[in-house]
Amino acid sequence: MSVKKVDLIPGYYYHIYNRAVSNNLLFIEDKNYCYFLTKIKKYLLAGSEVLAYCLMPNHYHLIVKIKSDLFSSSMHKFALSYVVAFNKMYHRKGRLYISPFQRIYIQNPSYLLHLSKYIHTNPLKAKLVTGVGDWKYSSYCEYIGKREIDFISPGFILDILSDDINSRIVDQQRAYRDYVEDNDSI
């Protein structure tokens, strides 16, 4: 069965993801995760706004807003740079990803909010941590004000939870934490 590629249109939001080929890992040690994040910064910020991410041992998730028609080529350079470095570091050859990056168009704000919760709770569901905020390779801590990374833009998603246009960021962060950590819907 073939998967229809979704066009990437500037101004729209997408769930970008990929996983390792076979039972391989994308990330073996802490420095792999850190290196991957530096490559996001280097290659993807010119063509997109990164709203959220979660890096799992064998796959990754990104939520992006496309800013440029160059996003696909930037994504290719990003993926290739990581594969080349990973293969060199671990003396391996060949593909690392199962396929070119996958993408899903995010149709509305409620799905965007749900998706952010899904990717932020992924490590908890995989039993890698006992609390959502314990996984250091996701943007969840930026969303709740516990850490700041200069390339994450949580504002639009945090605004979805707010009824008041003038609500304070700490109130939005608290509302997001309550939304994500609601155990009934994890």
Protein backbone atom coordinates (compact mmCIF):
# COMPACT_ATOMS: atom_id res chain seq x y z
CA MET A 1 0.00 0.00 0.00
CA SER A 2 1.46 3.36 -0.97
CA VAL A 3 1.14 6.43 1.20
CA LYS A 4 0.00 9.61 -0.53
CA LYS A 5 2.44 12.43 0.06
CA VAL A 6 0.88 15.53 1.54
CA ASP A 7 1.93 18.81 -0.06
CA LEU A 8 3.80 21.15 2.25
CA ILE A 9 2.26 24.60 1.96
CA PRO A 10 3.77 27.69 3.59
CA GLY A 11 1.58 29.07 6.39
CA TYR A 12 0.19 25.66 7.37
CA TYR A 13 0.99 23.33 10.28
CA TYR A 14 2.27 19.76 9.92
CA HIS A 15 3.19 16.77 12.03
CA ILE A 16 6.62 15.65 10.77
CA TYR A 17 7.89 12.27 11.91
CA ASN A 18 10.14 9.37 11.07
CA ARG A 19 11.50 6.19 12.60
CA ALA A 20 14.60 4.05 12.38
CA VAL A 21 14.83 1.19 9.92
CA SER A 22 14.24 -2.34 11.33
CA ASN A 23 14.71 -2.44 15.08
CA ASN A 24 17.54 0.08 15.07
CA LEU A 25 17.75 3.12 17.29
CA LEU A 26 17.99 6.71 16.08
CA PHE A 27 19.50 7.77 19.40
CA ILE A 28 21.89 5.60 21.39
CA GLU A 29 23.33 8.07 23.85
CA ASP A 30 22.63 11.55 25.17
CA LYS A 31 24.97 13.24 22.70
CA ASN A 32 22.91 11.84 19.79
CA TYR A 33 19.77 13.61 21.03
CA CYS A 34 21.71 16.85 21.57
CA TYR A 35 23.29 16.69 18.14
CA PHE A 36 19.89 16.08 16.52
CA LEU A 37 18.51 19.18 18.23
CA THR A 38 21.44 21.29 16.97
CA LYS A 39 20.68 20.06 13.45
CA ILE A 40 17.03 21.09 13.80
CA LYS A 41 18.26 24.56 14.62
CA LYS A 42 20.76 24.65 11.79
CA TYR A 43 18.59 23.28 8.99
CA LEU A 44 14.90 23.70 9.77
CA LEU A 45 14.46 27.15 11.27
CA ALA A 46 14.98 28.99 7.99
CA GLY A 47 12.01 27.20 6.41
CA SER A 48 9.77 26.51 9.39
CA GLU A 49 8.73 27.46 12.88
CA VAL A 50 9.12 24.52 15.28
CA LEU A 51 6.23 24.42 17.72
CA ALA A 52 6.97 21.14 19.50
CA TYR A 53 9.18 18.07 19.36
CA CYS A 54 9.72 14.71 21.00
CA LEU A 55 12.73 12.52 20.33
CA MET A 56 12.22 8.87 21.19
CA PRO A 57 14.93 6.19 21.03
CA ASN A 58 13.71 4.86 17.66
CA HIS A 59 11.67 7.74 16.21
CA TYR A 60 10.95 11.46 16.40
CA HIS A 61 8.00 13.84 16.16
CA LEU A 62 7.99 17.52 15.18
CA ILE A 63 5.15 19.98 14.91
CA VAL A 64 6.07 22.71 12.46
CA LYS A 65 4.55 25.65 10.69
CA ILE A 66 5.98 25.79 7.18
CA LYS A 67 7.42 29.21 6.28
CA SER A 68 9.05 28.45 2.93
CA ASP A 69 8.86 26.25 -0.13
CA LEU A 70 12.40 25.19 0.76
CA PHE A 71 11.29 23.12 3.76
CA SER A 72 11.52 19.75 1.96
CA SER A 73 15.09 20.38 0.80
CA SER A 74 16.01 21.64 4.29
CA MET A 75 14.47 18.50 5.76
CA HIS A 76 16.54 16.36 3.38
CA LYS A 77 19.77 18.16 4.38
CA PHE A 78 18.81 17.87 8.05
CA ALA A 79 18.17 14.12 7.84
CA LEU A 80 21.25 13.45 5.75
CA SER A 81 23.53 15.40 8.10
CA TYR A 82 22.33 13.35 11.06
CA VAL A 83 22.65 10.01 9.23
CA VAL A 84 26.19 10.77 8.03
CA ALA A 85 27.33 11.77 11.54
CA PHE A 86 25.55 8.83 13.19
CA ASN A 87 27.00 6.32 10.73
CA LYS A 88 30.49 7.73 11.17
CA MET A 89 30.25 7.72 14.97
CA TYR A 90 29.04 4.10 15.16
CA HIS A 91 31.05 2.75 12.20
CA ARG A 92 28.00 1.73 10.24
CA LYS A 93 26.79 2.15 6.68
CA GLY A 94 23.43 2.46 5.02
CA ARG A 95 20.03 3.85 5.80
CA LEU A 96 19.04 4.93 9.25
CA TYR A 97 15.44 6.02 8.57
CA ILE A 98 12.72 3.65 7.39
CA SER A 99 11.66 6.14 4.70
CA PRO A 100 11.82 9.82 3.79
CA PHE A 101 10.16 11.93 6.45
CA GLN A 102 6.43 11.49 6.90
CA ARG A 103 4.00 14.37 7.28
CA ILE A 104 0.39 14.92 8.22
CA TYR A 105 -1.42 18.19 7.61
CA ILE A 106 -2.87 19.57 10.84
CA GLN A 107 -6.38 20.67 9.91
CA ASN A 108 -7.52 22.65 12.93
CA PRO A 109 -6.42 24.07 16.30
CA SER A 110 -8.08 21.32 18.35
CA TYR A 111 -6.15 18.64 16.47
CA LEU A 112 -2.96 20.69 16.90
CA LEU A 113 -3.55 20.81 20.66
CA HIS A 114 -4.33 17.07 20.80
CA LEU A 115 -1.23 16.25 18.75
CA SER A 116 1.03 18.28 21.05
CA LYS A 117 -0.31 16.28 23.97
CA TYR A 118 0.17 13.03 22.07
CA ILE A 119 3.82 13.69 21.30
CA HIS A 120 4.60 15.07 24.76
CA THR A 121 3.08 12.00 26.47
CA ASN A 122 4.78 9.54 24.10
CA PRO A 123 7.70 8.78 26.49
CA LEU A 124 5.24 8.17 29.34
CA LYS A 125 3.16 5.78 27.25
CA ALA A 126 6.37 3.97 26.23
CA LYS A 127 7.25 3.64 29.94
CA LEU A 128 10.54 5.50 29.49
CA VAL A 129 9.63 7.84 32.37
CA THR A 130 7.15 7.99 35.23
CA GLY A 131 6.14 11.61 34.60
CA VAL A 132 5.63 13.58 31.39
CA GLY A 133 8.11 16.25 32.46
CA ASP A 134 10.82 13.69 33.20
CA TRP A 135 11.73 13.11 29.53
CA LYS A 136 14.38 15.67 28.63
CA TYR A 137 14.17 15.10 24.88
CA SER A 138 10.82 16.76 24.31
CA SER A 139 9.60 20.34 24.31
CA TYR A 140 7.14 19.70 27.15
CA CYS A 141 9.27 21.55 29.73
CA GLU A 142 9.27 24.64 27.46
CA TYR A 143 5.49 24.50 27.43
CA ILE A 144 5.18 24.49 31.20
CA GLY A 145 7.93 27.06 31.84
CA LYS A 146 10.54 24.72 33.34
CA ARG A 147 13.12 25.17 30.57
CA GLU A 148 13.73 27.52 27.68
CA ILE A 149 15.07 26.52 24.27
CA ASP A 150 15.46 29.36 21.85
CA PHE A 151 14.02 27.62 18.79
CA ILE A 152 10.69 26.35 20.20
CA SER A 153 7.56 28.46 19.66
CA PRO A 154 4.85 27.21 22.04
CA GLY A 155 2.78 30.41 21.97
CA PHE A 156 0.20 29.42 19.35
CA ILE A 157 -0.60 26.10 21.05
CA LEU A 158 -0.70 27.70 24.51
CA ASP A 159 -3.11 30.34 23.14
CA ILE A 160 -5.53 27.60 22.06
CA LEU A 161 -6.18 26.76 25.72
CA SER A 162 -6.77 30.35 26.73
CA ASP A 163 -10.19 32.00 26.62
CA ASP A 164 -8.70 35.36 27.56
CA ILE A 165 -6.51 37.04 24.96
CA ASN A 166 -4.74 38.88 27.79
CA SER A 167 -4.02 35.80 29.91
CA ARG A 168 -0.60 35.61 31.48
CA ILE A 169 1.93 33.11 30.15
CA VAL A 170 2.15 31.39 33.56
CA ASP A 171 -1.61 30.79 33.47
CA GLN A 172 -1.34 29.35 29.95
CA GLN A 173 1.54 27.11 31.03
CA ARG A 174 -0.46 25.87 34.02
CA ALA A 175 -3.48 25.19 31.81
CA TYR A 176 -1.31 23.24 29.35
CA ARG A 177 0.26 21.20 32.16
CA ASP A 178 -3.20 20.37 33.51
CA TYR A 179 -4.41 19.44 30.02
CA VAL A 180 -1.43 17.17 29.28
CA GLU A 181 -1.21 15.56 32.69
CA ASP A 182 -4.92 14.76 32.88
CA ASN A 183 -4.59 11.00 33.36
CA ASP A 184 -8.08 10.27 32.10
CA SER A 185 -7.09 11.14 28.56
CA ILE A 186 -3.48 9.91 28.38
